[in-house]
Amino acid sequence: CGAVFIKRVVNEIVTVTADVLVDGHDVIQ
């Protein structure tokens, strides 16, 4: 839950994914 850090080396990529929701049918970003 964020208490421990992930690791990378210089110039690596961090790809982040998540679920993003809203009620109804509105366009979200």
PDB file of all heavy atoms in Angstrom:
ATOM      1  N   CYS A   1       0.822  -1.222   0.000  1.00  0.00           N
ATOM      2  CA  CYS A   1       0.000   0.000   0.000  1.00  0.00           C
ATOM      3  C   CYS A   1       0.852   1.268   0.000  1.00  0.00           C
ATOM      4  O   CYS A   1       0.476   2.295   0.580  1.00  0.00           O
ATOM      5  CB  CYS A   1      -0.946   0.004   1.198  1.00  0.00           C
ATOM      6  SG  CYS A   1      -2.099  -1.390   1.218  1.00  0.00           S
ATOM      7  N   GLY A   2       2.010   1.189  -0.622  1.00  0.00           N
ATOM      8  CA  GLY A   2       2.876   2.357  -0.738  1.00  0.00           C
ATOM      9  C   GLY A   2       3.874   2.503   0.381  1.00  0.00           C
ATOM     10  O   GLY A   2       4.704   3.425   0.357  1.00  0.00           O
ATOM     11  N   ALA A   3       3.843   1.602   1.365  1.00  0.00           N
ATOM     12  CA  ALA A   3       4.803   1.687   2.474  1.00  0.00           C
ATOM     13  C   ALA A   3       6.208   1.279   2.044  1.00  0.00           C
ATOM     14  O   ALA A   3       7.192   1.654   2.679  1.00  0.00           O
ATOM     15  CB  ALA A   3       4.340   0.810   3.632  1.00  0.00           C
ATOM     16  N   VAL A   4       6.297   0.515   0.956  1.00  0.00           N
ATOM     17  CA  VAL A   4       7.584   0.039   0.441  1.00  0.00           C
ATOM     18  C   VAL A   4       7.775   0.602  -0.958  1.00  0.00           C
ATOM     19  O   VAL A   4       6.843   0.607  -1.769  1.00  0.00           O
ATOM     20  CB  VAL A   4       7.626  -1.504   0.402  1.00  0.00           C
ATOM     21  CG1 VAL A   4       8.908  -1.996  -0.244  1.00  0.00           C
ATOM     22  CG2 VAL A   4       7.480  -2.075   1.814  1.00  0.00           C
ATOM     23  N   PHE A   5       8.982   1.070  -1.263  1.00  0.00           N
ATOM     24  CA  PHE A   5       9.226   1.651  -2.576  1.00  0.00           C
ATOM     25  C   PHE A   5       9.537   0.573  -3.615  1.00  0.00           C
ATOM     26  O   PHE A   5      10.115  -0.460  -3.310  1.00  0.00           O
ATOM     27  CB  PHE A   5      10.367   2.672  -2.534  1.00  0.00           C
ATOM     28  CG  PHE A   5      11.658   2.170  -1.918  1.00  0.00           C
ATOM     29  CD1 PHE A   5      12.572   1.422  -2.662  1.00  0.00           C
ATOM     30  CD2 PHE A   5      11.968   2.464  -0.595  1.00  0.00           C
ATOM     31  CE1 PHE A   5      13.755   0.981  -2.109  1.00  0.00           C
ATOM     32  CE2 PHE A   5      13.153   2.028  -0.024  1.00  0.00           C
ATOM     33  CZ  PHE A   5      14.052   1.276  -0.781  1.00  0.00           C
ATOM     34  N   ILE A   6       9.109   0.842  -4.852  1.00  0.00           N
ATOM     35  CA  ILE A   6       9.543   0.023  -5.970  1.00  0.00           C
ATOM     36  C   ILE A   6      10.922   0.504  -6.394  1.00  0.00           C
ATOM     37  O   ILE A   6      11.372   1.572  -5.984  1.00  0.00           O
ATOM     38  CB  ILE A   6       8.543   0.065  -7.141  1.00  0.00           C
ATOM     39  CG1 ILE A   6       8.469   1.480  -7.742  1.00  0.00           C
ATOM     40  CG2 ILE A   6       7.178  -0.411  -6.707  1.00  0.00           C
ATOM     41  CD1 ILE A   6       7.713   1.545  -9.054  1.00  0.00           C
ATOM     42  N   LYS A   7      11.598  -0.277  -7.249  1.00  0.00           N
ATOM     43  CA  LYS A   7      12.978   0.039  -7.607  1.00  0.00           C
ATOM     44  C   LYS A   7      13.139   0.152  -9.115  1.00  0.00           C
ATOM     45  O   LYS A   7      12.532  -0.586  -9.882  1.00  0.00           O
ATOM     46  CB  LYS A   7      13.923  -1.051  -7.075  1.00  0.00           C
ATOM     47  CG  LYS A   7      13.926  -1.171  -5.569  1.00  0.00           C
ATOM     48  CD  LYS A   7      14.762  -2.360  -5.116  1.00  0.00           C
ATOM     49  CE  LYS A   7      14.676  -2.543  -3.612  1.00  0.00           C
ATOM     50  NZ  LYS A   7      15.370  -3.770  -3.165  1.00  0.00           N
ATOM     51  N   ARG A   8      14.000   1.073  -9.506  1.00  0.00           N
ATOM     52  CA  ARG A   8      14.410   1.216 -10.891  1.00  0.00           C
ATOM     53  C   ARG A   8      15.871   1.637 -10.910  1.00  0.00           C
ATOM     54  O   ARG A   8      16.459   1.959  -9.873  1.00  0.00           O
ATOM     55  CB  ARG A   8      13.565   2.290 -11.610  1.00  0.00           C
ATOM     56  CG  ARG A   8      12.105   1.934 -11.815  1.00  0.00           C
ATOM     57  CD  ARG A   8      11.909   0.773 -12.760  1.00  0.00           C
ATOM     58  NE  ARG A   8      10.502   0.526 -13.079  1.00  0.00           N
ATOM     59  CZ  ARG A   8       9.694  -0.248 -12.367  1.00  0.00           C
ATOM     60  NH1 ARG A   8      10.148  -0.827 -11.267  1.00  0.00           N
ATOM     61  NH2 ARG A   8       8.438  -0.436 -12.723  1.00  0.00           N
ATOM     62  N   VAL A   9      16.472   1.636 -12.105  1.00  0.00           N
ATOM     63  CA  VAL A   9      17.783   2.242 -12.287  1.00  0.00           C
ATOM     64  C   VAL A   9      17.625   3.420 -13.234  1.00  0.00           C
ATOM     65  O   VAL A   9      16.592   3.570 -13.899  1.00  0.00           O
ATOM     66  CB  VAL A   9      18.828   1.236 -12.832  1.00  0.00           C
ATOM     67  CG1 VAL A   9      18.991   0.061 -11.891  1.00  0.00           C
ATOM     68  CG2 VAL A   9      18.475   0.768 -14.239  1.00  0.00           C
ATOM     69  N   VAL A  10      18.641   4.261 -13.286  1.00  0.00           N
ATOM     70  CA  VAL A  10      18.578   5.481 -14.088  1.00  0.00           C
ATOM     71  C   VAL A  10      18.195   5.164 -15.532  1.00  0.00           C
ATOM     72  O   VAL A  10      18.728   4.238 -16.147  1.00  0.00           O
ATOM     73  CB  VAL A  10      19.923   6.230 -14.028  1.00  0.00           C
ATOM     74  CG1 VAL A  10      19.932   7.399 -15.005  1.00  0.00           C
ATOM     75  CG2 VAL A  10      20.190   6.729 -12.610  1.00  0.00           C
ATOM     76  N   ASN A  11      17.259   5.927 -16.051  1.00  0.00           N
ATOM     77  CA  ASN A  11      16.742   5.865 -17.425  1.00  0.00           C
ATOM     78  C   ASN A  11      15.756   4.729 -17.665  1.00  0.00           C
ATOM     79  O   ASN A  11      15.314   4.537 -18.802  1.00  0.00           O
ATOM     80  CB  ASN A  11      17.871   5.802 -18.465  1.00  0.00           C
ATOM     81  CG  ASN A  11      18.666   7.092 -18.516  1.00  0.00           C
ATOM     82  OD1 ASN A  11      18.122   8.173 -18.293  1.00  0.00           O
ATOM     83  ND2 ASN A  11      19.961   6.997 -18.777  1.00  0.00           N
ATOM     84  N   GLU A  12      15.380   4.009 -16.636  1.00  0.00           N
ATOM     85  CA  GLU A  12      14.330   3.001 -16.809  1.00  0.00           C
ATOM     86  C   GLU A  12      12.957   3.670 -16.830  1.00  0.00           C
ATOM     87  O   GLU A  12      12.781   4.822 -16.441  1.00  0.00           O
ATOM     88  CB  GLU A  12      14.383   1.959 -15.701  1.00  0.00           C
ATOM     89  CG  GLU A  12      15.371   0.842 -15.962  1.00  0.00           C
ATOM     90  CD  GLU A  12      15.194  -0.328 -15.019  1.00  0.00           C
ATOM     91  OE1 GLU A  12      14.851  -0.116 -13.843  1.00  0.00           O
ATOM     92  OE2 GLU A  12      15.435  -1.463 -15.456  1.00  0.00           O
ATOM     93  N   ILE A  13      11.982   2.888 -17.268  1.00  0.00           N
ATOM     94  CA  ILE A  13      10.606   3.343 -17.389  1.00  0.00           C
ATOM     95  C   ILE A  13       9.778   2.783 -16.232  1.00  0.00           C
ATOM     96  O   ILE A  13       9.926   1.624 -15.858  1.00  0.00           O
ATOM     97  CB  ILE A  13       9.994   2.887 -18.725  1.00  0.00           C
ATOM     98  CG1 ILE A  13      10.809   3.436 -19.909  1.00  0.00           C
ATOM     99  CG2 ILE A  13       8.524   3.300 -18.823  1.00  0.00           C
ATOM    100  CD1 ILE A  13      10.771   4.933 -20.055  1.00  0.00           C
ATOM    101  N   VAL A  14       8.910   3.620 -15.684  1.00  0.00           N
ATOM    102  CA  VAL A  14       7.898   3.158 -14.733  1.00  0.00           C
ATOM    103  C   VAL A  14       6.548   3.239 -15.434  1.00  0.00           C
ATOM    104  O   VAL A  14       6.107   4.328 -15.819  1.00  0.00           O
ATOM    105  CB  VAL A  14       7.873   4.025 -13.465  1.00  0.00           C
ATOM    106  CG1 VAL A  14       6.801   3.519 -12.492  1.00  0.00           C
ATOM    107  CG2 VAL A  14       9.238   4.040 -12.788  1.00  0.00           C
ATOM    108  N   THR A  15       5.919   2.102 -15.645  1.00  0.00           N
ATOM    109  CA  THR A  15       4.594   2.065 -16.252  1.00  0.00           C
ATOM    110  C   THR A  15       3.563   1.865 -15.150  1.00  0.00           C
ATOM    111  O   THR A  15       3.642   0.905 -14.380  1.00  0.00           O
ATOM    112  CB  THR A  15       4.487   0.933 -17.284  1.00  0.00           C
ATOM    113  OG1 THR A  15       5.415   1.196 -18.349  1.00  0.00           O
ATOM    114  CG2 THR A  15       3.089   0.841 -17.863  1.00  0.00           C
ATOM    115  N   VAL A  16       2.615   2.781 -15.078  1.00  0.00           N
ATOM    116  CA  VAL A  16       1.624   2.782 -14.003  1.00  0.00           C
ATOM    117  C   VAL A  16       0.250   2.475 -14.594  1.00  0.00           C
ATOM    118  O   VAL A  16      -0.136   3.034 -15.624  1.00  0.00           O
ATOM    119  CB  VAL A  16       1.597   4.145 -13.283  1.00  0.00           C
ATOM    120  CG1 VAL A  16       0.589   4.128 -12.134  1.00  0.00           C
ATOM    121  CG2 VAL A  16       2.984   4.507 -12.771  1.00  0.00           C
ATOM    122  N   THR A  17      -0.479   1.596 -13.945  1.00  0.00           N
ATOM    123  CA  THR A  17      -1.846   1.270 -14.351  1.00  0.00           C
ATOM    124  C   THR A  17      -2.780   1.461 -13.158  1.00  0.00           C
ATOM    125  O   THR A  17      -2.359   1.403 -12.002  1.00  0.00           O
ATOM    126  CB  THR A  17      -1.953  -0.178 -14.855  1.00  0.00           C
ATOM    127  OG1 THR A  17      -1.585  -1.080 -13.795  1.00  0.00           O
ATOM    128  CG2 THR A  17      -1.043  -0.407 -16.054  1.00  0.00           C
ATOM    129  N   ALA A  18      -4.044   1.686 -13.463  1.00  0.00           N
ATOM    130  CA  ALA A  18      -5.047   1.848 -12.406  1.00  0.00           C
ATOM    131  C   ALA A  18      -6.432   1.731 -13.018  1.00  0.00           C
ATOM    132  O   ALA A  18      -6.609   1.840 -14.241  1.00  0.00           O
ATOM    133  CB  ALA A  18      -4.890   3.194 -11.708  1.00  0.00           C
ATOM    134  N   ASP A  19      -7.410   1.520 -12.174  1.00  0.00           N
ATOM    135  CA  ASP A  19      -8.809   1.619 -12.571  1.00  0.00           C
ATOM    136  C   ASP A  19      -9.317   2.995 -12.156  1.00  0.00           C
ATOM    137  O   ASP A  19      -9.121   3.416 -11.006  1.00  0.00           O
ATOM    138  CB  ASP A  19      -9.640   0.528 -11.893  1.00  0.00           C
ATOM    139  CG  ASP A  19      -9.231  -0.866 -12.333  1.00  0.00           C
ATOM    140  OD1 ASP A  19      -8.709  -1.004 -13.453  1.00  0.00           O
ATOM    141  OD2 ASP A  19      -9.431  -1.814 -11.548  1.00  0.00           O
ATOM    142  N   VAL A  20      -9.954   3.697 -13.096  1.00  0.00           N
ATOM    143  CA  VAL A  20     -10.481   5.038 -12.824  1.00  0.00           C
ATOM    144  C   VAL A  20     -11.962   5.027 -13.202  1.00  0.00           C
ATOM    145  O   VAL A  20     -12.315   4.753 -14.357  1.00  0.00           O
ATOM    146  CB  VAL A  20      -9.718   6.124 -13.609  1.00  0.00           C
ATOM    147  CG1 VAL A  20     -10.220   7.506 -13.216  1.00  0.00           C
ATOM    148  CG2 VAL A  20      -8.215   6.012 -13.364  1.00  0.00           C
ATOM    149  N   LEU A  21     -12.823   5.336 -12.228  1.00  0.00           N
ATOM    150  CA  LEU A  21     -14.270   5.180 -12.412  1.00  0.00           C
ATOM    151  C   LEU A  21     -15.008   6.455 -12.058  1.00  0.00           C
ATOM    152  O   LEU A  21     -14.553   7.250 -11.221  1.00  0.00           O
ATOM    153  CB  LEU A  21     -14.798   4.060 -11.506  1.00  0.00           C
ATOM    154  CG  LEU A  21     -14.064   2.719 -11.501  1.00  0.00           C
ATOM    155  CD1 LEU A  21     -14.600   1.841 -10.384  1.00  0.00           C
ATOM    156  CD2 LEU A  21     -14.208   2.026 -12.833  1.00  0.00           C
ATOM    157  N   VAL A  22     -16.173   6.624 -12.679  1.00  0.00           N
ATOM    158  CA  VAL A  22     -17.081   7.706 -12.313  1.00  0.00           C
ATOM    159  C   VAL A  22     -18.507   7.185 -12.460  1.00  0.00           C
ATOM    160  O   VAL A  22     -18.777   6.299 -13.282  1.00  0.00           O
ATOM    161  CB  VAL A  22     -16.867   8.955 -13.191  1.00  0.00           C
ATOM    162  CG1 VAL A  22     -17.304   8.703 -14.628  1.00  0.00           C
ATOM    163  CG2 VAL A  22     -17.594  10.164 -12.607  1.00  0.00           C
ATOM    164  N   ASP A  23     -19.390   7.720 -11.651  1.00  0.00           N
ATOM    165  CA  ASP A  23     -20.797   7.351 -11.783  1.00  0.00           C
ATOM    166  C   ASP A  23     -21.359   7.906 -13.088  1.00  0.00           C
ATOM    167  O   ASP A  23     -20.885   8.908 -13.619  1.00  0.00           O
ATOM    168  CB  ASP A  23     -21.590   7.897 -10.602  1.00  0.00           C
ATOM    169  CG  ASP A  23     -21.436   9.399 -10.469  1.00  0.00           C
ATOM    170  OD1 ASP A  23     -20.402   9.843  -9.916  1.00  0.00           O
ATOM    171  OD2 ASP A  23     -22.329  10.120 -10.942  1.00  0.00           O
ATOM    172  N   GLY A  24     -22.383   7.251 -13.597  1.00  0.00           N
ATOM    173  CA  GLY A  24     -23.041   7.737 -14.805  1.00  0.00           C
ATOM    174  C   GLY A  24     -22.230   7.483 -16.058  1.00  0.00           C
ATOM    175  O   GLY A  24     -21.463   6.528 -16.151  1.00  0.00           O
ATOM    176  N   HIS A  25     -22.403   8.388 -17.024  1.00  0.00           N
ATOM    177  CA  HIS A  25     -21.794   8.192 -18.342  1.00  0.00           C
ATOM    178  C   HIS A  25     -20.877   9.334 -18.741  1.00  0.00           C
ATOM    179  O   HIS A  25     -20.547   9.498 -19.917  1.00  0.00           O
ATOM    180  CB  HIS A  25     -22.895   8.023 -19.399  1.00  0.00           C
ATOM    181  CG  HIS A  25     -23.863   6.923 -19.075  1.00  0.00           C
ATOM    182  ND1 HIS A  25     -23.540   5.594 -19.177  1.00  0.00           N
ATOM    183  CD2 HIS A  25     -25.142   6.977 -18.616  1.00  0.00           C
ATOM    184  CE1 HIS A  25     -24.578   4.854 -18.815  1.00  0.00           C
ATOM    185  NE2 HIS A  25     -25.574   5.669 -18.473  1.00  0.00           N
ATOM    186  N   ASP A  26     -20.449  10.133 -17.794  1.00  0.00           N
ATOM    187  CA  ASP A  26     -19.601  11.274 -18.113  1.00  0.00           C
ATOM    188  C   ASP A  26     -18.227  10.815 -18.611  1.00  0.00           C
ATOM    189  O   ASP A  26     -17.732   9.742 -18.252  1.00  0.00           O
ATOM    190  CB  ASP A  26     -19.409  12.163 -16.886  1.00  0.00           C
ATOM    191  CG  ASP A  26     -20.667  12.959 -16.555  1.00  0.00           C
ATOM    192  OD1 ASP A  26     -21.508  13.113 -17.455  1.00  0.00           O
ATOM    193  OD2 ASP A  26     -20.794  13.397 -15.398  1.00  0.00           O
ATOM    194  N   VAL A  27     -17.629  11.686 -19.426  1.00  0.00           N
ATOM    195  CA  VAL A  27     -16.269  11.441 -19.912  1.00  0.00           C
ATOM    196  C   VAL A  27     -15.295  11.799 -18.794  1.00  0.00           C
ATOM    197  O   VAL A  27     -15.360  12.897 -18.231  1.00  0.00           O
ATOM    198  CB  VAL A  27     -15.973  12.281 -21.167  1.00  0.00           C
ATOM    199  CG1 VAL A  27     -14.502  12.156 -21.559  1.00  0.00           C
ATOM    200  CG2 VAL A  27     -16.876  11.840 -22.317  1.00  0.00           C
ATOM    201  N   ILE A  28     -14.426  10.860 -18.476  1.00  0.00           N
ATOM    202  CA  ILE A  28     -13.418  11.136 -17.456  1.00  0.00           C
ATOM    203  C   ILE A  28     -12.033  11.079 -18.082  1.00  0.00           C
ATOM    204  O   ILE A  28     -11.811  10.449 -19.116  1.00  0.00           O
ATOM    205  CB  ILE A  28     -13.505  10.152 -16.273  1.00  0.00           C
ATOM    206  CG1 ILE A  28     -13.337   8.693 -16.751  1.00  0.00           C
ATOM    207  CG2 ILE A  28     -14.790  10.334 -15.504  1.00  0.00           C
ATOM    208  CD1 ILE A  28     -13.259   7.706 -15.601  1.00  0.00           C
ATOM    209  N   GLN A  29     -11.106  11.757 -17.424  1.00  0.00           N
ATOM    210  CA  GLN A  29      -9.712  11.760 -17.836  1.00  0.00           C
ATOM    211  C   GLN A  29      -8.856  11.493 -16.602  1.00  0.00           C
ATOM    212  O   GLN A  29      -9.282  11.706 -15.457  1.00  0.00           O
ATOM    213  CB  GLN A  29      -9.332  13.106 -18.442  1.00  0.00           C
ATOM    214  CG  GLN A  29     -10.053  13.427 -19.743  1.00  0.00           C
ATOM    215  CD  GLN A  29      -9.546  12.590 -20.898  1.00  0.00           C
ATOM    216  OE1 GLN A  29      -8.428  12.770 -21.365  1.00  0.00           O
ATOM    217  NE2 GLN A  29     -10.361  11.646 -21.351  1.00  0.00           N
TER     218      GLN A  29
END
